[in-house]
Every structure is written in C-alpha cells, then in structure tokens.
Amino acid sequence: QKESLVDYAKNQWYILNEDKHIYIDKWYSWASRNRPALEKLMFDSQNNEFDLLLVKKVDRFFRKNLYLLQHVEELVQNGVWFKATDQGFN
C-alpha cells in the first residue's frame, strides 16, 4: 500500500516528505483508536504538518464507521483533506 500511495502522490504532484509523513501501524487493528502512528498522525494534523491524508481505502484508516467519521471530522477541523484513492472518497 505504501508504494502505491507514494506513486499516487507523485503522479498528482503532491509534495511528500516520506521520512516524516508516512504513518504505518504494523500489527495493530484498524478497528482500534489506540495506535501509535494514528496518534502521531492526529498530533501532526493539529500542528499543521500536512494538509492531505491519503489512504488506499477508508477501512485502512478505520474499520468502525463511527471512529472513521470522528477522525475525518477532526482532520477537517485541522485543515486536512482526507482522500481514499481506490474509492473516490474525499
């Protein structure tokens, strides 16, 4: 997923800091809100570190719709766009 999202970002001419702004929670359930990379992502969004979050599919961000909607709303409030590249969700 990482490689295809990086390729997508580059093809869209998005500016990407690969060393700082790729958030991966290995071995954590996407149903959970307690994930280290997710916490860092949300912290960075509050500090205006980025303005677009790309995921392949919405269930790669959250499997529970309530958590998905809550976090997308928080991202939007922080000035961050949310885009699921394989689903046309943004």
PDB file of N, CA and C in Angstrom:
ATOM      1  N   GLN A   1       0.817  -1.191   0.000  1.00  0.00           N
ATOM      2  CA  GLN A   1       0.000   0.000   0.000  1.00  0.00           C
ATOM      3  C   GLN A   1       0.861   1.255   0.000  1.00  0.00           C
ATOM      4  N   LYS A   2       1.942   1.218   0.755  1.00  0.00           N
ATOM      5  CA  LYS A   2       2.798   2.396   0.847  1.00  0.00           C
ATOM      6  C   LYS A   2       3.311   2.808  -0.526  1.00  0.00           C
ATOM      7  N   GLU A   3       3.834   1.856  -1.273  1.00  0.00           N
ATOM      8  CA  GLU A   3       4.406   2.175  -2.579  1.00  0.00           C
ATOM      9  C   GLU A   3       3.364   2.751  -3.523  1.00  0.00           C
ATOM     10  N   SER A   4       2.171   2.186  -3.539  1.00  0.00           N
ATOM     11  CA  SER A   4       1.150   2.690  -4.457  1.00  0.00           C
ATOM     12  C   SER A   4       0.675   4.084  -4.047  1.00  0.00           C
ATOM     13  N   LEU A   5       0.625   4.363  -2.734  1.00  0.00           N
ATOM     14  CA  LEU A   5       0.232   5.703  -2.293  1.00  0.00           C
ATOM     15  C   LEU A   5       1.328   6.729  -2.597  1.00  0.00           C
ATOM     16  N   VAL A   6       2.578   6.349  -2.414  1.00  0.00           N
ATOM     17  CA  VAL A   6       3.675   7.247  -2.760  1.00  0.00           C
ATOM     18  C   VAL A   6       3.651   7.540  -4.258  1.00  0.00           C
ATOM     19  N   ASP A   7       3.455   6.514  -5.076  1.00  0.00           N
ATOM     20  CA  ASP A   7       3.352   6.716  -6.528  1.00  0.00           C
ATOM     21  C   ASP A   7       2.177   7.622  -6.876  1.00  0.00           C
ATOM     22  N   TYR A   8       1.036   7.398  -6.240  1.00  0.00           N
ATOM     23  CA  TYR A   8      -0.145   8.219  -6.479  1.00  0.00           C
ATOM     24  C   TYR A   8       0.163   9.686  -6.150  1.00  0.00           C
ATOM     25  N   ALA A   9       0.771   9.912  -4.995  1.00  0.00           N
ATOM     26  CA  ALA A   9       1.096  11.285  -4.583  1.00  0.00           C
ATOM     27  C   ALA A   9       2.026  11.951  -5.594  1.00  0.00           C
ATOM     28  N   LYS A  10       3.030  11.226  -6.029  1.00  0.00           N
ATOM     29  CA  LYS A  10       3.972  11.791  -7.001  1.00  0.00           C
ATOM     30  C   LYS A  10       3.303  12.060  -8.339  1.00  0.00           C
ATOM     31  N   ASN A  11       2.426  11.168  -8.773  1.00  0.00           N
ATOM     32  CA  ASN A  11       1.712  11.366 -10.044  1.00  0.00           C
ATOM     33  C   ASN A  11       0.763  12.551 -10.002  1.00  0.00           C
ATOM     34  N   GLN A  12       0.276  12.881  -8.804  1.00  0.00           N
ATOM     35  CA  GLN A  12      -0.618  14.032  -8.633  1.00  0.00           C
ATOM     36  C   GLN A  12       0.157  15.316  -8.310  1.00  0.00           C
ATOM     37  N   TRP A  13       1.474  15.211  -8.287  1.00  0.00           N
ATOM     38  CA  TRP A  13       2.357  16.336  -7.985  1.00  0.00           C
ATOM     39  C   TRP A  13       2.193  16.841  -6.547  1.00  0.00           C
ATOM     40  N   TYR A  14       1.785  15.959  -5.631  1.00  0.00           N
ATOM     41  CA  TYR A  14       1.703  16.326  -4.222  1.00  0.00           C
ATOM     42  C   TYR A  14       3.116  16.356  -3.653  1.00  0.00           C
ATOM     43  N   ILE A  15       3.350  17.256  -2.739  1.00  0.00           N
ATOM     44  CA  ILE A  15       4.638  17.327  -2.053  1.00  0.00           C
ATOM     45  C   ILE A  15       4.583  16.353  -0.888  1.00  0.00           C
ATOM     46  N   LEU A  16       5.533  15.446  -0.839  1.00  0.00           N
ATOM     47  CA  LEU A  16       5.516  14.387   0.173  1.00  0.00           C
ATOM     48  C   LEU A  16       6.868  14.312   0.863  1.00  0.00           C
ATOM     49  N   ASN A  17       6.843  14.392   2.181  1.00  0.00           N
ATOM     50  CA  ASN A  17       8.039  14.182   2.984  1.00  0.00           C
ATOM     51  C   ASN A  17       7.983  12.737   3.484  1.00  0.00           C
ATOM     52  N   GLU A  18       8.590  11.830   2.745  1.00  0.00           N
ATOM     53  CA  GLU A  18       8.493  10.400   3.055  1.00  0.00           C
ATOM     54  C   GLU A  18       9.123  10.040   4.392  1.00  0.00           C
ATOM     55  N   ASP A  19      10.107  10.799   4.824  1.00  0.00           N
ATOM     56  CA  ASP A  19      10.763  10.500   6.098  1.00  0.00           C
ATOM     57  C   ASP A  19       9.912  10.886   7.294  1.00  0.00           C
ATOM     58  N   LYS A  20       8.993  11.802   7.104  1.00  0.00           N
ATOM     59  CA  LYS A  20       8.252  12.335   8.235  1.00  0.00           C
ATOM     60  C   LYS A  20       6.759  12.032   8.195  1.00  0.00           C
ATOM     61  N   HIS A  21       6.179  11.948   7.022  1.00  0.00           N
ATOM     62  CA  HIS A  21       4.720  11.921   6.930  1.00  0.00           C
ATOM     63  C   HIS A  21       4.142  10.656   6.315  1.00  0.00           C
ATOM     64  N   ILE A  22       4.729   9.538   6.613  1.00  0.00           N
ATOM     65  CA  ILE A  22       4.120   8.251   6.276  1.00  0.00           C
ATOM     66  C   ILE A  22       3.862   7.557   7.608  1.00  0.00           C
ATOM     67  N   TYR A  23       2.597   7.278   7.855  1.00  0.00           N
ATOM     68  CA  TYR A  23       2.164   6.753   9.144  1.00  0.00           C
ATOM     69  C   TYR A  23       1.704   5.309   8.957  1.00  0.00           C
ATOM     70  N   ILE A  24       2.409   4.377   9.578  1.00  0.00           N
ATOM     71  CA  ILE A  24       2.082   2.959   9.431  1.00  0.00           C
ATOM     72  C   ILE A  24       2.004   2.323  10.809  1.00  0.00           C
ATOM     73  N   ASP A  25       0.871   1.737  11.104  1.00  0.00           N
ATOM     74  CA  ASP A  25       0.702   0.977  12.337  1.00  0.00           C
ATOM     75  C   ASP A  25       0.751  -0.505  11.993  1.00  0.00           C
ATOM     76  N   LYS A  26       1.911  -1.104  12.181  1.00  0.00           N
ATOM     77  CA  LYS A  26       2.043  -2.539  11.939  1.00  0.00           C
ATOM     78  C   LYS A  26       1.576  -3.293  13.170  1.00  0.00           C
ATOM     79  N   TRP A  27       0.880  -4.357  12.932  1.00  0.00           N
ATOM     80  CA  TRP A  27       0.431  -5.268  13.982  1.00  0.00           C
ATOM     81  C   TRP A  27      -0.617  -4.666  14.916  1.00  0.00           C
ATOM     82  N   TYR A  28      -1.321  -3.638  14.454  1.00  0.00           N
ATOM     83  CA  TYR A  28      -2.420  -3.058  15.221  1.00  0.00           C
ATOM     84  C   TYR A  28      -3.706  -3.227  14.437  1.00  0.00           C
ATOM     85  N   SER A  29      -4.803  -3.355  15.142  1.00  0.00           N
ATOM     86  CA  SER A  29      -6.103  -3.472  14.494  1.00  0.00           C
ATOM     87  C   SER A  29      -6.572  -2.101  14.038  1.00  0.00           C
ATOM     88  N   TRP A  30      -7.088  -2.042  12.799  1.00  0.00           N
ATOM     89  CA  TRP A  30      -7.640  -0.788  12.294  1.00  0.00           C
ATOM     90  C   TRP A  30      -9.003  -0.485  12.911  1.00  0.00           C
ATOM     91  N   ALA A  31      -9.489  -1.376  13.742  1.00  0.00           N
ATOM     92  CA  ALA A  31     -10.722  -1.104  14.483  1.00  0.00           C
ATOM     93  C   ALA A  31     -10.426  -0.289  15.735  1.00  0.00           C
ATOM     94  N   SER A  32      -9.171  -0.230  16.123  1.00  0.00           N
ATOM     95  CA  SER A  32      -8.774   0.423  17.366  1.00  0.00           C
ATOM     96  C   SER A  32      -8.380   1.882  17.140  1.00  0.00           C
ATOM     97  N   ARG A  33      -8.653   2.697  18.147  1.00  0.00           N
ATOM     98  CA  ARG A  33      -8.190   4.087  18.118  1.00  0.00           C
ATOM     99  C   ARG A  33      -6.850   4.230  18.824  1.00  0.00           C
ATOM    100  N   ASN A  34      -6.387   3.184  19.480  1.00  0.00           N
ATOM    101  CA  ASN A  34      -5.135   3.224  20.236  1.00  0.00           C
ATOM    102  C   ASN A  34      -4.000   2.639  19.406  1.00  0.00           C
ATOM    103  N   ARG A  35      -3.501   3.464  18.488  1.00  0.00           N
ATOM    104  CA  ARG A  35      -2.420   3.055  17.604  1.00  0.00           C
ATOM    105  C   ARG A  35      -1.376   4.164  17.573  1.00  0.00           C
ATOM    106  N   PRO A  36      -0.108   3.831  17.796  1.00  0.00           N
ATOM    107  CA  PRO A  36       0.933   4.858  17.876  1.00  0.00           C
ATOM    108  C   PRO A  36       1.017   5.767  16.644  1.00  0.00           C
ATOM    109  N   ALA A  37       1.001   5.195  15.456  1.00  0.00           N
ATOM    110  CA  ALA A  37       1.111   6.026  14.252  1.00  0.00           C
ATOM    111  C   ALA A  37      -0.129   6.900  14.074  1.00  0.00           C
ATOM    112  N   LEU A  38      -1.298   6.377  14.432  1.00  0.00           N
ATOM    113  CA  LEU A  38      -2.523   7.177  14.365  1.00  0.00           C
ATOM    114  C   LEU A  38      -2.432   8.369  15.318  1.00  0.00           C
ATOM    115  N   GLU A  39      -1.950   8.122  16.523  1.00  0.00           N
ATOM    116  CA  GLU A  39      -1.809   9.214  17.488  1.00  0.00           C
ATOM    117  C   GLU A  39      -0.842  10.277  16.972  1.00  0.00           C
ATOM    118  N   LYS A  40       0.259   9.847  16.365  1.00  0.00           N
ATOM    119  CA  LYS A  40       1.227  10.797  15.785  1.00  0.00           C
ATOM    120  C   LYS A  40       0.597  11.554  14.625  1.00  0.00           C
ATOM    121  N   LEU A  41      -0.146  10.866  13.785  1.00  0.00           N
ATOM    122  CA  LEU A  41      -0.818  11.491  12.652  1.00  0.00           C
ATOM    123  C   LEU A  41      -1.779  12.582  13.128  1.00  0.00           C
ATOM    124  N   MET A  42      -2.585  12.272  14.125  1.00  0.00           N
ATOM    125  CA  MET A  42      -3.552  13.244  14.622  1.00  0.00           C
ATOM    126  C   MET A  42      -2.834  14.422  15.294  1.00  0.00           C
ATOM    127  N   PHE A  43      -1.764  14.151  16.018  1.00  0.00           N
ATOM    128  CA  PHE A  43      -0.967  15.218  16.624  1.00  0.00           C
ATOM    129  C   PHE A  43      -0.390  16.122  15.535  1.00  0.00           C
ATOM    130  N   ASP A  44       0.192  15.521  14.501  1.00  0.00           N
ATOM    131  CA  ASP A  44       0.771  16.300  13.407  1.00  0.00           C
ATOM    132  C   ASP A  44      -0.296  17.112  12.680  1.00  0.00           C
ATOM    133  N   SER A  45      -1.506  16.559  12.549  1.00  0.00           N
ATOM    134  CA  SER A  45      -2.572  17.314  11.878  1.00  0.00           C
ATOM    135  C   SER A  45      -2.954  18.549  12.693  1.00  0.00           C
ATOM    136  N   GLN A  46      -2.922  18.443  14.003  1.00  0.00           N
ATOM    137  CA  GLN A  46      -3.224  19.591  14.866  1.00  0.00           C
ATOM    138  C   GLN A  46      -2.155  20.676  14.748  1.00  0.00           C
ATOM    139  N   ASN A  47      -0.961  20.272  14.401  1.00  0.00           N
ATOM    140  CA  ASN A  47       0.165  21.202  14.283  1.00  0.00           C
ATOM    141  C   ASN A  47       0.449  21.602  12.836  1.00  0.00           C
ATOM    142  N   ASN A  48      -0.527  21.379  11.964  1.00  0.00           N
ATOM    143  CA  ASN A  48      -0.435  21.812  10.559  1.00  0.00           C
ATOM    144  C   ASN A  48       0.789  21.266   9.832  1.00  0.00           C
ATOM    145  N   GLU A  49       1.127  20.010  10.132  1.00  0.00           N
ATOM    146  CA  GLU A  49       2.281  19.373   9.489  1.00  0.00           C
ATOM    147  C   GLU A  49       1.980  18.940   8.054  1.00  0.00           C
ATOM    148  N   PHE A  50       0.715  18.760   7.734  1.00  0.00           N
ATOM    149  CA  PHE A  50       0.316  18.335   6.391  1.00  0.00           C
ATOM    150  C   PHE A  50      -1.118  18.798   6.149  1.00  0.00           C
ATOM    151  N   ASP A  51      -1.543  18.767   4.876  1.00  0.00           N
ATOM    152  CA  ASP A  51      -2.903  19.223   4.565  1.00  0.00           C
ATOM    153  C   ASP A  51      -3.720  18.206   3.776  1.00  0.00           C
ATOM    154  N   LEU A  52      -3.164  17.012   3.570  1.00  0.00           N
ATOM    155  CA  LEU A  52      -3.882  15.957   2.864  1.00  0.00           C
ATOM    156  C   LEU A  52      -3.469  14.603   3.430  1.00  0.00           C
ATOM    157  N   LEU A  53      -4.454  13.779   3.737  1.00  0.00           N
ATOM    158  CA  LEU A  53      -4.199  12.408   4.170  1.00  0.00           C
ATOM    159  C   LEU A  53      -4.689  11.472   3.080  1.00  0.00           C
ATOM    160  N   LEU A  54      -3.785  10.670   2.537  1.00  0.00           N
ATOM    161  CA  LEU A  54      -4.129   9.680   1.518  1.00  0.00           C
ATOM    162  C   LEU A  54      -4.150   8.295   2.139  1.00  0.00           C
ATOM    163  N   VAL A  55      -5.202   7.542   1.833  1.00  0.00           N
ATOM    164  CA  VAL A  55      -5.295   6.125   2.182  1.00  0.00           C
ATOM    165  C   VAL A  55      -5.781   5.390   0.950  1.00  0.00           C
ATOM    166  N   LYS A  56      -5.502   4.096   0.867  1.00  0.00           N
ATOM    167  CA  LYS A  56      -5.998   3.312  -0.269  1.00  0.00           C
ATOM    168  C   LYS A  56      -7.509   3.152  -0.180  1.00  0.00           C
ATOM    169  N   LYS A  57      -7.975   2.731   0.979  1.00  0.00           N
ATOM    170  CA  LYS A  57      -9.401   2.513   1.232  1.00  0.00           C
ATOM    171  C   LYS A  57      -9.712   3.035   2.625  1.00  0.00           C
ATOM    172  N   VAL A  58     -10.956   3.432   2.837  1.00  0.00           N
ATOM    173  CA  VAL A  58     -11.316   4.002   4.134  1.00  0.00           C
ATOM    174  C   VAL A  58     -11.091   3.009   5.265  1.00  0.00           C
ATOM    175  N   ASP A  59     -11.248   1.718   5.001  1.00  0.00           N
ATOM    176  CA  ASP A  59     -11.062   0.751   6.090  1.00  0.00           C
ATOM    177  C   ASP A  59      -9.590   0.562   6.453  1.00  0.00           C
ATOM    178  N   ARG A  60      -8.693   1.166   5.697  1.00  0.00           N
ATOM    179  CA  ARG A  60      -7.275   1.164   6.068  1.00  0.00           C
ATOM    180  C   ARG A  60      -7.012   2.216   7.135  1.00  0.00           C
ATOM    181  N   PHE A  61      -7.921   3.177   7.258  1.00  0.00           N
ATOM    182  CA  PHE A  61      -7.818   4.198   8.302  1.00  0.00           C
ATOM    183  C   PHE A  61      -8.575   3.731   9.541  1.00  0.00           C
ATOM    184  N   PHE A  62      -9.811   3.316   9.347  1.00  0.00           N
ATOM    185  CA  PHE A  62     -10.640   2.756  10.415  1.00  0.00           C
ATOM    186  C   PHE A  62     -11.625   1.761   9.834  1.00  0.00           C
ATOM    187  N   ARG A  63     -11.899   0.714  10.573  1.00  0.00           N
ATOM    188  CA  ARG A  63     -12.919  -0.249  10.184  1.00  0.00           C
ATOM    189  C   ARG A  63     -14.272   0.102  10.779  1.00  0.00           C
ATOM    190  N   LYS A  64     -14.268   0.818  11.882  1.00  0.00           N
ATOM    191  CA  LYS A  64     -15.524   1.225  12.512  1.00  0.00           C
ATOM    192  C   LYS A  64     -15.930   2.591  11.967  1.00  0.00           C
ATOM    193  N   ASN A  65     -17.121   2.667  11.397  1.00  0.00           N
ATOM    194  CA  ASN A  65     -17.571   3.904  10.763  1.00  0.00           C
ATOM    195  C   ASN A  65     -17.603   5.083  11.720  1.00  0.00           C
ATOM    196  N   LEU A  66     -18.014   4.855  12.960  1.00  0.00           N
ATOM    197  CA  LEU A  66     -18.067   5.941  13.927  1.00  0.00           C
ATOM    198  C   LEU A  66     -16.686   6.551  14.133  1.00  0.00           C
ATOM    199  N   TYR A  67     -15.668   5.719  14.324  1.00  0.00           N
ATOM    200  CA  TYR A  67     -14.307   6.225  14.512  1.00  0.00           C
ATOM    201  C   TYR A  67     -13.811   6.930  13.248  1.00  0.00           C
ATOM    202  N   LEU A  68     -14.131   6.360  12.100  1.00  0.00           N
ATOM    203  CA  LEU A  68     -13.748   6.966  10.830  1.00  0.00           C
ATOM    204  C   LEU A  68     -14.310   8.380  10.736  1.00  0.00           C
ATOM    205  N   LEU A  69     -15.606   8.514  10.964  1.00  0.00           N
ATOM    206  CA  LEU A  69     -16.246   9.823  10.846  1.00  0.00           C
ATOM    207  C   LEU A  69     -15.712  10.808  11.875  1.00  0.00           C
ATOM    208  N   GLN A  70     -15.489  10.355  13.095  1.00  0.00           N
ATOM    209  CA  GLN A  70     -14.952  11.241  14.131  1.00  0.00           C
ATOM    210  C   GLN A  70     -13.565  11.759  13.754  1.00  0.00           C
ATOM    211  N   HIS A  71     -12.726  10.877  13.267  1.00  0.00           N
ATOM    212  CA  HIS A  71     -11.356  11.282  12.946  1.00  0.00           C
ATOM    213  C   HIS A  71     -11.297  12.115  11.674  1.00  0.00           C
ATOM    214  N   VAL A  72     -12.113  11.794  10.687  1.00  0.00           N
ATOM    215  CA  VAL A  72     -12.154  12.623   9.481  1.00  0.00           C
ATOM    216  C   VAL A  72     -12.650  14.021   9.844  1.00  0.00           C
ATOM    217  N   GLU A  73     -13.647  14.112  10.697  1.00  0.00           N
ATOM    218  CA  GLU A  73     -14.137  15.422  11.145  1.00  0.00           C
ATOM    219  C   GLU A  73     -13.029  16.205  11.847  1.00  0.00           C
ATOM    220  N   GLU A  74     -12.270  15.537  12.700  1.00  0.00           N
ATOM    221  CA  GLU A  74     -11.160  16.220  13.369  1.00  0.00           C
ATOM    222  C   GLU A  74     -10.107  16.673  12.366  1.00  0.00           C
ATOM    223  N   LEU A  75      -9.815  15.827  11.383  1.00  0.00           N
ATOM    224  CA  LEU A  75      -8.859  16.217  10.345  1.00  0.00           C
ATOM    225  C   LEU A  75      -9.345  17.455   9.606  1.00  0.00           C
ATOM    226  N   VAL A  76     -10.606  17.457   9.223  1.00  0.00           N
ATOM    227  CA  VAL A  76     -11.184  18.602   8.505  1.00  0.00           C
ATOM    228  C   VAL A  76     -11.087  19.870   9.365  1.00  0.00           C
ATOM    229  N   GLN A  77     -11.390  19.752  10.633  1.00  0.00           N
ATOM    230  CA  GLN A  77     -11.275  20.901  11.538  1.00  0.00           C
ATOM    231  C   GLN A  77      -9.835  21.402  11.628  1.00  0.00           C
ATOM    232  N   ASN A  78      -8.885  20.504  11.417  1.00  0.00           N
ATOM    233  CA  ASN A  78      -7.468  20.867  11.437  1.00  0.00           C
ATOM    234  C   ASN A  78      -6.972  21.314  10.067  1.00  0.00           C
ATOM    235  N   GLY A  79      -7.872  21.418   9.095  1.00  0.00           N
ATOM    236  CA  GLY A  79      -7.496  21.878   7.763  1.00  0.00           C
ATOM    237  C   GLY A  79      -6.892  20.806   6.885  1.00  0.00           C
ATOM    238  N   VAL A  80      -7.196  19.543   7.172  1.00  0.00           N
ATOM    239  CA  VAL A  80      -6.636  18.419   6.418  1.00  0.00           C
ATOM    240  C   VAL A  80      -7.727  17.771   5.573  1.00  0.00           C
ATOM    241  N   TRP A  81      -7.434  17.579   4.294  1.00  0.00           N
ATOM    242  CA  TRP A  81      -8.328  16.845   3.398  1.00  0.00           C
ATOM    243  C   TRP A  81      -8.061  15.351   3.574  1.00  0.00           C
ATOM    244  N   PHE A  82      -9.092  14.540   3.388  1.00  0.00           N
ATOM    245  CA  PHE A  82      -8.989  13.075   3.508  1.00  0.00           C
ATOM    246  C   PHE A  82      -9.380  12.488   2.157  1.00  0.00           C
ATOM    247  N   LYS A  83      -8.541  11.608   1.624  1.00  0.00           N
ATOM    248  CA  LYS A  83      -8.839  11.012   0.320  1.00  0.00           C
ATOM    249  C   LYS A  83      -8.489   9.536   0.327  1.00  0.00           C
ATOM    250  N   ALA A  84      -9.479   8.704  -0.029  1.00  0.00           N
ATOM    251  CA  ALA A  84      -9.261   7.272  -0.240  1.00  0.00           C
ATOM    252  C   ALA A  84      -9.095   7.078  -1.743  1.00  0.00           C
ATOM    253  N   THR A  85      -7.887   6.785  -2.179  1.00  0.00           N
ATOM    254  CA  THR A  85      -7.554   6.796  -3.614  1.00  0.00           C
ATOM    255  C   THR A  85      -8.290   5.727  -4.416  1.00  0.00           C
ATOM    256  N   ASP A  86      -8.569   4.586  -3.820  1.00  0.00           N
ATOM    257  CA  ASP A  86      -9.221   3.493  -4.559  1.00  0.00           C
ATOM    258  C   ASP A  86     -10.743   3.534  -4.486  1.00  0.00           C
ATOM    259  N   GLN A  87     -11.288   4.493  -3.744  1.00  0.00           N
ATOM    260  CA  GLN A  87     -12.729   4.517  -3.565  1.00  0.00           C
ATOM    261  C   GLN A  87     -13.367   5.854  -3.939  1.00  0.00           C
ATOM    262  N   GLY A  88     -12.578   6.823  -4.331  1.00  0.00           N
ATOM    263  CA  GLY A  88     -13.142   8.109  -4.690  1.00  0.00           C
ATOM    264  C   GLY A  88     -13.784   8.827  -3.507  1.00  0.00           C
ATOM    265  N   PHE A  89     -13.339   8.508  -2.316  1.00  0.00           N
ATOM    266  CA  PHE A  89     -13.886   9.118  -1.099  1.00  0.00           C
ATOM    267  C   PHE A  89     -12.988  10.263  -0.689  1.00  0.00           C
ATOM    268  N   ASN A  90     -13.577  11.458  -0.648  1.00  0.00           N
ATOM    269  CA  ASN A  90     -12.813  12.609  -0.142  1.00  0.00           C
ATOM    270  C   ASN A  90     -13.776  13.664   0.334  1.00  0.00           C
TER     271      ASN A  90
END
